[in-house]
Amino acid sequence: MSREIDGRQKELTHQVHREILLRCMEEVKNLTPILICSMKIYIQIHDEGRRQRICLTDKRADKFAQCEL
């Protein structure tokens, strides 16, 4: 994708537009790893929360089963 953008920036006739495109591309290159890392952390937290809810639900079910006996 960056090759396509590099090719496109060479086609642009206005220097200002070229600079804007390059600046935005640099921002994307810098922010992409942060986005990926953030998504991984979110998924890990979400999975851990799900595991804890399942464990808590199982414990409650066991307590209710013991109370019924």
Protein backbone atom coordinates (compact mmCIF):
# COMPACT_ATOMS: atom_id res chain seq x y z
CA MET A 1 0.00 0.00 0.00
CA SER A 2 2.82 2.41 0.78
CA ARG A 3 4.27 1.83 -2.69
CA GLU A 4 0.94 2.86 -4.20
CA ILE A 5 0.89 5.98 -2.07
CA ASP A 6 4.50 6.78 -2.99
CA GLY A 7 3.53 6.45 -6.65
CA ARG A 8 0.49 8.63 -6.11
CA GLN A 9 2.44 11.36 -4.33
CA LYS A 10 4.78 11.57 -7.33
CA GLU A 11 1.75 12.17 -9.57
CA LEU A 12 0.44 15.06 -7.49
CA THR A 13 1.12 18.43 -9.04
CA HIS A 14 0.62 20.59 -5.94
CA GLN A 15 3.48 20.46 -3.47
CA VAL A 16 1.11 21.13 -0.57
CA HIS A 17 -1.00 18.08 -1.46
CA ARG A 18 2.14 15.98 -1.72
CA GLU A 19 3.25 17.06 1.75
CA ILE A 20 -0.18 16.37 3.23
CA LEU A 21 -0.23 12.88 1.72
CA LEU A 22 3.26 12.12 3.03
CA ARG A 23 2.45 13.46 6.48
CA CYS A 24 -0.73 11.39 6.68
CA MET A 25 1.12 8.29 5.51
CA GLU A 26 3.71 8.78 8.24
CA GLU A 27 0.93 9.11 10.81
CA VAL A 28 -0.62 5.87 9.59
CA LYS A 29 2.75 4.11 9.78
CA ASN A 30 3.27 5.37 13.34
CA LEU A 31 -0.25 4.68 14.61
CA THR A 32 -0.79 1.23 13.06
CA PRO A 33 1.40 -0.66 15.59
CA ILE A 34 -0.33 1.17 18.44
CA LEU A 35 -3.74 0.19 17.08
CA ILE A 36 -2.72 -3.45 16.72
CA CYS A 37 -1.30 -3.54 20.24
CA SER A 38 -4.43 -1.90 21.64
CA MET A 39 -6.65 -4.43 19.90
CA LYS A 40 -4.58 -7.31 21.33
CA ILE A 41 -4.86 -5.88 24.84
CA TYR A 42 -8.62 -5.39 24.45
CA ILE A 43 -9.08 -8.99 23.30
CA GLN A 44 -6.97 -10.30 26.20
CA ILE A 45 -8.97 -8.27 28.74
CA HIS A 46 -12.25 -9.33 27.16
CA ASP A 47 -11.25 -13.02 27.21
CA GLU A 48 -10.07 -12.81 30.83
CA GLY A 49 -13.33 -11.17 31.87
CA ARG A 50 -15.30 -13.88 30.09
CA ARG A 51 -13.30 -16.59 31.86
CA GLN A 52 -13.89 -14.93 35.23
CA ARG A 53 -17.64 -14.64 34.58
CA ILE A 54 -17.84 -18.32 33.64
CA CYS A 55 -15.91 -19.29 36.79
CA LEU A 56 -18.15 -17.13 38.98
CA THR A 57 -21.28 -18.56 37.36
CA ASP A 58 -20.03 -22.11 37.92
CA LYS A 59 -19.29 -21.35 41.58
CA ARG A 60 -22.77 -19.89 42.07
CA ALA A 61 -24.36 -22.89 40.40
CA ASP A 62 -22.39 -25.21 42.71
CA LYS A 63 -23.52 -23.22 45.78
CA PHE A 64 -27.15 -23.41 44.71
CA ALA A 65 -26.83 -27.12 44.06
CA GLN A 66 -25.38 -27.60 47.55
CA CYS A 67 -28.16 -25.58 49.14
CA GLU A 68 -30.83 -27.69 47.43
CA LEU A 69 -29.38 -30.91 48.86
